[in-house]
Amino acid sequence: MKLSTRRSRVLIPLMALSLAAVMSPALADSSDGQKSGVIYNSVINPLPGNLPSVGFESTAFNEFGNAVNFSSGSSHDLTKVVVTMSSWGCASGSWYQHTCTTPEDATFAQAITLNIYNPSTDGVNPGAKIASFTNTFNIKYRPSASAQCVGNDLGKWYDKESKICFNGLAQNITFNVKNVKVGSGAIFGITYNTTHYGYAPVGQSAACFSTSAGCGYDSLNVALTEDPTNVSAGTSVVPGKLWLASNAGGQYADGGTAGVGTFRIDSPNVAPWWGVNDPYSSAPWYVPSIKVFANQTGDRGSSEKPSTNRADHNTSDGKHGIKKD
């Protein structure tokens, strides 16, 4: 469904809210007794009820990610990578029909892959793939529609802590990536299959496709936070430019001129366009919500900085098709 000349993506308006970006400590113990430091972080802690997000089924994406510089050192042994997902699926009914019903803590099993690449040498394509990890996660469905959510919030679930109604449910998944050696930066790509997208689409023969709820993976998204607002360690290699793979040329900022169907930077020869606010060409920028831990082998530790910034997610005018509440 083409919503604009910028990108074919579903847009759901979000009521304005502010979320305190209280970041977690920079060091955590790893199982081998070493200190595992945070070398890149765009994850908000604690997580809000939901975040803006990009869904593969609604964007025709096969893979999505970012190229990052780590906060310190030239050599790292990765230990784990945390990715924030946003689940809009229901056990029965749907968010868009305002009929969502979900038993408490109900989940669906979903295979999700994390790819790790060397930095790009040509500014368009990733370097060699260093490693790939596929785990099956128990993804939580979003909670049932709440009677407290009415009017423009009809059909949403109610978050008691923030007293805000949401369509999706933010949740973290963790990949254990020990023995992966990287330098001062890397490219991370997230991929999973939906009915029509991902590298191996499931197709419409799955039993869930014909139900009122549909398939959980079709309502599963990669959550986004804001750069520099929510980035407490490391940086984006090229702020405002993200990495994706799609078979549809129109999903790339350059219209597919630098290649279609391959994982690459989406706008190598055009201006950045992942801005949060119209006209989307300046900071703050959207970035995938990712946190990278490593045992430093070339320095004394990480340098995650505390953050007192706030993530302001305002109602969009519909041009930039980020999926929001």
Protein backbone atom coordinates (compact mmCIF):
# COMPACT_ATOMS: atom_id res chain seq x y z
CA MET A 1 0.00 0.00 0.00
CA LYS A 2 1.67 3.20 -1.18
CA LEU A 3 1.22 5.94 1.39
CA SER A 4 3.75 8.45 0.09
CA THR A 5 6.63 8.94 -2.31
CA ARG A 6 8.98 8.54 0.65
CA ARG A 7 8.15 5.00 1.73
CA SER A 8 5.33 2.44 1.52
CA ARG A 9 4.59 1.88 5.17
CA VAL A 10 1.61 1.71 7.49
CA LEU A 11 1.25 4.76 9.73
CA ILE A 12 -0.72 4.67 12.96
CA PRO A 13 -0.98 8.04 14.82
CA LEU A 14 0.55 8.30 18.28
CA MET A 15 -0.68 10.52 21.06
CA ALA A 16 2.09 12.79 22.35
CA LEU A 17 3.96 11.44 25.34
CA SER A 18 7.32 11.81 27.07
CA LEU A 19 9.39 8.91 28.32
CA ALA A 20 12.33 9.31 30.69
CA ALA A 21 15.36 7.62 29.15
CA VAL A 22 16.94 6.22 32.30
CA MET A 23 19.84 4.12 31.11
CA SER A 24 21.12 0.92 32.72
CA PRO A 25 24.59 0.53 34.26
CA ALA A 26 27.48 0.29 31.81
CA LEU A 27 28.88 -2.99 33.12
CA ALA A 28 27.29 -6.40 33.63
CA ASP A 29 28.84 -9.70 34.71
CA SER A 30 29.30 -12.28 31.98
CA SER A 31 29.22 -16.01 32.70
CA ASP A 32 32.99 -16.42 32.18
CA GLY A 33 33.76 -14.08 35.09
CA GLN A 34 34.85 -11.14 32.94
CA LYS A 35 33.13 -7.79 32.89
CA SER A 36 30.88 -7.36 29.88
CA GLY A 37 30.71 -3.71 28.89
CA VAL A 38 28.12 -1.85 26.86
CA ILE A 39 29.77 -0.65 23.64
CA TYR A 40 26.63 0.52 21.83
CA ASN A 41 23.20 1.29 23.27
CA SER A 42 20.01 2.80 21.91
CA VAL A 43 17.66 0.83 24.21
CA ILE A 44 15.52 2.76 26.70
CA ASN A 45 15.56 1.34 30.23
CA PRO A 46 13.01 0.78 31.65
CA LEU A 47 11.05 0.10 28.49
CA PRO A 48 7.86 2.12 27.97
CA GLY A 49 4.66 0.28 27.08
CA ASN A 50 5.45 0.63 23.40
CA LEU A 51 7.71 2.44 20.94
CA PRO A 52 7.54 3.55 17.29
CA SER A 53 8.45 0.57 15.12
CA VAL A 54 8.94 -0.87 11.65
CA GLY A 55 7.00 -4.03 10.72
CA PHE A 56 8.28 -6.29 7.95
CA GLU A 57 4.82 -7.28 6.67
CA SER A 58 3.71 -3.63 6.40
CA THR A 59 6.99 -2.34 4.92
CA ALA A 60 7.97 -5.20 2.59
CA PHE A 61 11.31 -5.50 4.41
CA ASN A 62 13.45 -8.65 4.48
CA GLU A 63 16.14 -7.30 6.83
CA PHE A 64 16.59 -4.10 8.81
CA GLY A 65 19.43 -2.64 10.86
CA ASN A 66 22.14 -0.06 11.38
CA ALA A 67 25.89 0.47 11.07
CA VAL A 68 27.41 1.60 14.37
CA ASN A 69 30.71 2.74 15.85
CA PHE A 70 31.45 1.33 19.28
CA SER A 71 32.08 3.63 22.21
CA SER A 72 35.68 2.63 22.87
CA GLY A 73 38.49 0.38 21.75
CA SER A 74 39.55 -1.18 18.48
CA SER A 75 38.93 -4.85 19.32
CA HIS A 76 36.01 -6.49 21.09
CA ASP A 77 34.72 -9.97 21.94
CA LEU A 78 30.93 -9.70 21.76
CA THR A 79 28.90 -11.39 24.49
CA LYS A 80 25.26 -10.53 23.79
CA VAL A 81 23.02 -8.27 21.74
CA VAL A 82 19.63 -7.04 22.97
CA VAL A 83 16.99 -5.99 20.42
CA THR A 84 13.66 -4.35 21.26
CA MET A 85 10.62 -5.64 19.38
CA SER A 86 7.06 -4.29 19.29
CA SER A 87 4.24 -6.84 19.17
CA TRP A 88 0.84 -5.68 17.90
CA GLY A 89 -0.62 -9.19 17.55
CA CYS A 90 -3.50 -10.60 19.64
CA ALA A 91 -4.36 -14.15 20.65
CA SER A 92 -7.76 -13.50 19.07
CA GLY A 93 -9.30 -10.47 17.40
CA SER A 94 -7.08 -7.65 16.18
CA TRP A 95 -5.81 -4.20 17.10
CA TYR A 96 -7.19 -2.57 13.94
CA GLN A 97 -10.71 -3.93 14.50
CA HIS A 98 -10.55 -2.91 18.19
CA THR A 99 -11.35 -6.51 19.19
CA CYS A 100 -8.07 -7.68 20.73
CA THR A 101 -8.34 -10.42 23.35
CA THR A 102 -5.23 -11.96 24.91
CA PRO A 103 -4.93 -14.22 27.97
CA GLU A 104 -2.33 -12.93 30.42
CA ASP A 105 1.25 -13.58 29.23
CA ALA A 106 0.14 -15.47 26.11
CA THR A 107 2.95 -15.88 23.57
CA PHE A 108 3.76 -17.20 20.12
CA ALA A 109 7.02 -18.82 19.06
CA GLN A 110 8.99 -16.83 16.47
CA ALA A 111 12.36 -17.47 14.87
CA ILE A 112 14.38 -14.25 14.57
CA THR A 113 17.88 -13.92 13.11
CA LEU A 114 20.61 -11.46 14.02
CA ASN A 115 23.28 -10.95 11.35
CA ILE A 116 26.59 -9.24 12.17
CA TYR A 117 28.70 -7.79 9.36
CA ASN A 118 32.04 -6.06 9.05
CA PRO A 119 31.86 -2.32 8.31
CA SER A 120 31.20 -1.25 4.73
CA THR A 121 34.19 -0.54 2.49
CA ASP A 122 32.21 1.07 -0.34
CA GLY A 123 29.60 3.06 1.61
CA VAL A 124 26.75 1.00 0.11
CA ASN A 125 27.13 -2.70 0.92
CA PRO A 126 28.12 -4.36 4.21
CA GLY A 127 31.48 -5.98 4.67
CA ALA A 128 31.74 -9.75 5.03
CA LYS A 129 29.21 -11.40 7.32
CA ILE A 130 30.97 -12.19 10.59
CA ALA A 131 28.27 -14.30 12.21
CA SER A 132 24.56 -15.14 12.13
CA PHE A 133 22.41 -16.27 15.05
CA THR A 134 18.85 -17.61 14.79
CA ASN A 135 16.87 -18.08 17.99
CA THR A 136 13.24 -18.97 18.56
CA PHE A 137 11.72 -16.51 21.02
CA ASN A 138 8.43 -16.62 22.90
CA ILE A 139 7.02 -13.27 21.81
CA LYS A 140 4.26 -11.85 23.97
CA TYR A 141 1.01 -10.86 22.31
CA ARG A 142 -0.13 -7.37 23.24
CA PRO A 143 -2.68 -7.28 26.11
CA SER A 144 -6.44 -7.22 25.55
CA ALA A 145 -8.35 -4.08 24.64
CA SER A 146 -9.13 -2.07 27.75
CA ALA A 147 -12.40 -0.40 28.67
CA GLN A 148 -10.29 2.53 29.88
CA CYS A 149 -9.17 3.23 26.32
CA VAL A 150 -11.91 5.09 24.46
CA GLY A 151 -12.31 7.60 21.63
CA ASN A 152 -9.10 7.74 19.57
CA ASP A 153 -7.64 5.10 21.89
CA LEU A 154 -10.46 2.60 21.33
CA GLY A 155 -9.20 -0.99 21.23
CA LYS A 156 -5.83 -0.26 22.82
CA TRP A 157 -4.46 -1.82 26.00
CA TYR A 158 -3.95 0.27 29.13
CA ASP A 159 -0.53 0.59 30.74
CA LYS A 160 -1.07 1.16 34.47
CA GLU A 161 2.43 2.52 35.07
CA SER A 162 2.33 5.28 32.47
CA LYS A 163 -1.48 5.57 32.41
CA ILE A 164 -1.30 5.56 28.60
CA CYS A 165 -3.13 3.43 26.03
CA PHE A 166 -1.02 1.54 23.47
CA ASN A 167 -1.62 -0.66 20.43
CA GLY A 168 1.68 -2.54 20.55
CA LEU A 169 3.76 -4.03 23.36
CA ALA A 170 7.51 -3.33 23.57
CA GLN A 171 9.72 -6.20 24.71
CA ASN A 172 13.40 -7.09 24.57
CA ILE A 173 14.92 -10.22 23.09
CA THR A 174 18.53 -11.28 23.73
CA PHE A 175 21.02 -13.04 21.45
CA ASN A 176 24.02 -14.70 23.09
CA VAL A 177 26.86 -14.05 20.65
CA LYS A 178 30.00 -15.18 22.47
CA ASN A 179 33.22 -15.76 20.53
CA VAL A 180 32.32 -13.16 17.90
CA LYS A 181 35.27 -10.83 17.41
CA VAL A 182 34.73 -7.35 15.97
CA GLY A 183 36.77 -4.21 15.57
CA SER A 184 35.75 -0.63 16.31
CA GLY A 185 32.35 -0.98 14.63
CA ALA A 186 29.95 -3.36 12.90
CA ILE A 187 26.67 -3.56 10.99
CA PHE A 188 23.75 -5.34 12.66
CA GLY A 189 20.79 -6.70 10.69
CA ILE A 190 17.57 -8.22 12.06
CA THR A 191 15.50 -10.55 9.91
CA TYR A 192 12.46 -12.79 10.34
CA ASN A 193 9.81 -14.21 8.05
CA THR A 194 6.23 -13.02 7.70
CA THR A 195 3.44 -14.11 5.37
CA HIS A 196 4.85 -12.22 2.38
CA TYR A 197 8.27 -10.91 3.43
CA GLY A 198 11.54 -11.92 5.03
CA TYR A 199 14.03 -13.99 3.03
CA ALA A 200 11.76 -17.08 3.16
CA PRO A 201 8.12 -15.90 3.38
CA VAL A 202 5.77 -18.27 5.18
CA GLY A 203 2.98 -17.84 2.62
CA GLN A 204 -0.78 -17.78 3.08
CA SER A 205 -1.18 -21.50 3.77
CA ALA A 206 -0.37 -21.13 7.49
CA ALA A 207 -3.40 -21.89 9.67
CA CYS A 208 -3.13 -18.54 11.48
CA PHE A 209 -3.52 -16.57 8.25
CA SER A 210 -7.25 -17.29 8.02
CA THR A 211 -8.05 -16.46 11.65
CA SER A 212 -9.41 -13.17 12.97
CA ALA A 213 -6.11 -12.52 14.74
CA GLY A 214 -3.95 -13.34 11.75
CA CYS A 215 -0.38 -14.50 12.31
CA GLY A 216 1.65 -13.02 15.14
CA TYR A 217 4.67 -12.46 12.90
CA ASP A 218 2.65 -10.21 10.60
CA SER A 219 2.08 -7.85 13.54
CA LEU A 220 5.64 -8.07 14.86
CA ASN A 221 7.91 -5.04 14.43
CA VAL A 222 11.44 -3.86 15.19
CA ALA A 223 11.23 -1.04 17.73
CA LEU A 224 12.83 2.35 17.14
CA THR A 225 14.36 4.91 19.47
CA GLU A 226 15.90 8.32 18.77
CA ASP A 227 19.48 9.30 17.95
CA PRO A 228 21.05 11.15 19.71
CA THR A 229 18.29 11.42 22.34
CA ASN A 230 18.33 7.77 23.42
CA VAL A 231 21.84 6.68 22.37
CA SER A 232 24.02 6.37 25.49
CA ALA A 233 27.02 4.49 24.05
CA GLY A 234 28.50 4.49 20.55
CA THR A 235 27.26 6.31 17.46
CA SER A 236 25.69 5.66 14.08
CA VAL A 237 28.25 5.53 11.26
CA VAL A 238 26.04 7.74 9.10
CA PRO A 239 23.33 9.44 11.19
CA GLY A 240 19.94 9.43 9.51
CA LYS A 241 20.76 6.54 7.16
CA LEU A 242 19.72 2.98 8.02
CA TRP A 243 20.22 -0.42 6.40
CA LEU A 244 17.55 -2.61 4.86
CA ALA A 245 16.76 -5.29 2.31
CA SER A 246 13.57 -5.23 0.27
CA ASN A 247 12.46 -6.62 -3.07
CA ALA A 248 10.57 -3.37 -3.68
CA GLY A 249 12.75 -0.56 -5.00
CA GLY A 250 10.39 2.06 -3.63
CA GLN A 251 11.26 1.04 -0.08
CA TYR A 252 14.78 2.41 -0.45
CA ALA A 253 15.37 6.15 -0.19
CA ASP A 254 17.16 6.04 -3.56
CA GLY A 255 14.28 4.18 -5.24
CA GLY A 256 16.38 1.05 -5.57
CA THR A 257 19.03 2.53 -7.88
CA ALA A 258 21.88 1.06 -5.81
CA GLY A 259 20.31 -2.40 -5.84
CA VAL A 260 17.15 -4.24 -4.82
CA GLY A 261 16.76 -7.35 -2.69
CA THR A 262 20.12 -6.99 -0.95
CA PHE A 263 20.94 -5.68 2.52
CA ARG A 264 22.51 -2.25 2.04
CA ILE A 265 22.39 1.35 3.19
CA ASP A 266 19.07 2.71 1.97
CA SER A 267 20.26 6.13 0.83
CA PRO A 268 23.89 6.06 -0.35
CA ASN A 269 23.61 9.01 -2.75
CA VAL A 270 20.68 10.94 -1.32
CA ALA A 271 20.12 12.94 1.85
CA PRO A 272 19.30 11.18 5.15
CA TRP A 273 15.56 10.70 5.64
CA TRP A 274 15.07 8.84 8.91
CA GLY A 275 14.35 12.02 10.85
CA VAL A 276 11.68 11.87 13.53
CA ASN A 277 10.04 15.13 12.50
CA ASP A 278 8.84 16.46 9.14
CA PRO A 279 10.67 17.00 6.74
CA TYR A 280 12.66 14.06 8.20
CA SER A 281 16.04 15.37 7.06
CA SER A 282 17.54 16.42 10.41
CA ALA A 283 18.13 15.07 13.91
CA PRO A 284 16.77 13.50 15.98
CA TRP A 285 16.91 10.36 13.84
CA TYR A 286 15.13 7.04 14.24
CA VAL A 287 17.42 4.06 14.89
CA PRO A 288 16.71 0.40 15.71
CA SER A 289 16.63 -0.19 19.47
CA ILE A 290 19.77 -2.29 20.05
CA LYS A 291 22.20 -2.80 22.94
CA VAL A 292 25.58 -4.48 22.37
CA PHE A 293 27.73 -6.01 25.12
CA ALA A 294 31.36 -7.08 24.79
CA ASN A 295 34.46 -8.09 26.71
CA GLN A 296 36.97 -5.43 25.69
CA THR A 297 40.26 -6.85 24.43
CA GLY A 298 41.85 -3.60 23.28
CA ASP A 299 40.96 -1.12 26.06
CA ARG A 300 39.97 -0.82 29.69
CA GLY A 301 36.18 -0.83 29.37
CA SER A 302 33.12 0.77 27.95
CA SER A 303 32.14 4.40 28.18
CA GLU A 304 28.36 4.37 28.27
CA LYS A 305 27.24 7.83 29.23
CA PRO A 306 24.23 8.53 31.45
CA SER A 307 21.27 10.17 29.77
CA THR A 308 18.73 12.58 31.13
CA ASN A 309 17.14 13.26 27.74
CA ARG A 310 13.55 12.43 27.03
CA ALA A 311 12.07 10.59 24.07
CA ASP A 312 9.21 12.64 22.68
CA HIS A 313 7.01 10.69 20.25
CA ASN A 314 4.66 13.13 18.58
CA THR A 315 1.75 12.64 16.22
CA SER A 316 2.98 12.32 12.63
CA ASP A 317 1.42 13.85 9.54
CA GLY A 318 1.55 10.55 7.69
CA LYS A 319 4.50 11.12 5.36
CA HIS A 320 7.03 9.13 7.35
CA GLY A 321 5.45 5.69 7.67
CA ILE A 322 6.73 4.57 11.05
CA LYS A 323 4.21 2.34 12.80
CA LYS A 324 3.04 4.13 15.94
CA ASP A 325 0.26 3.93 18.49
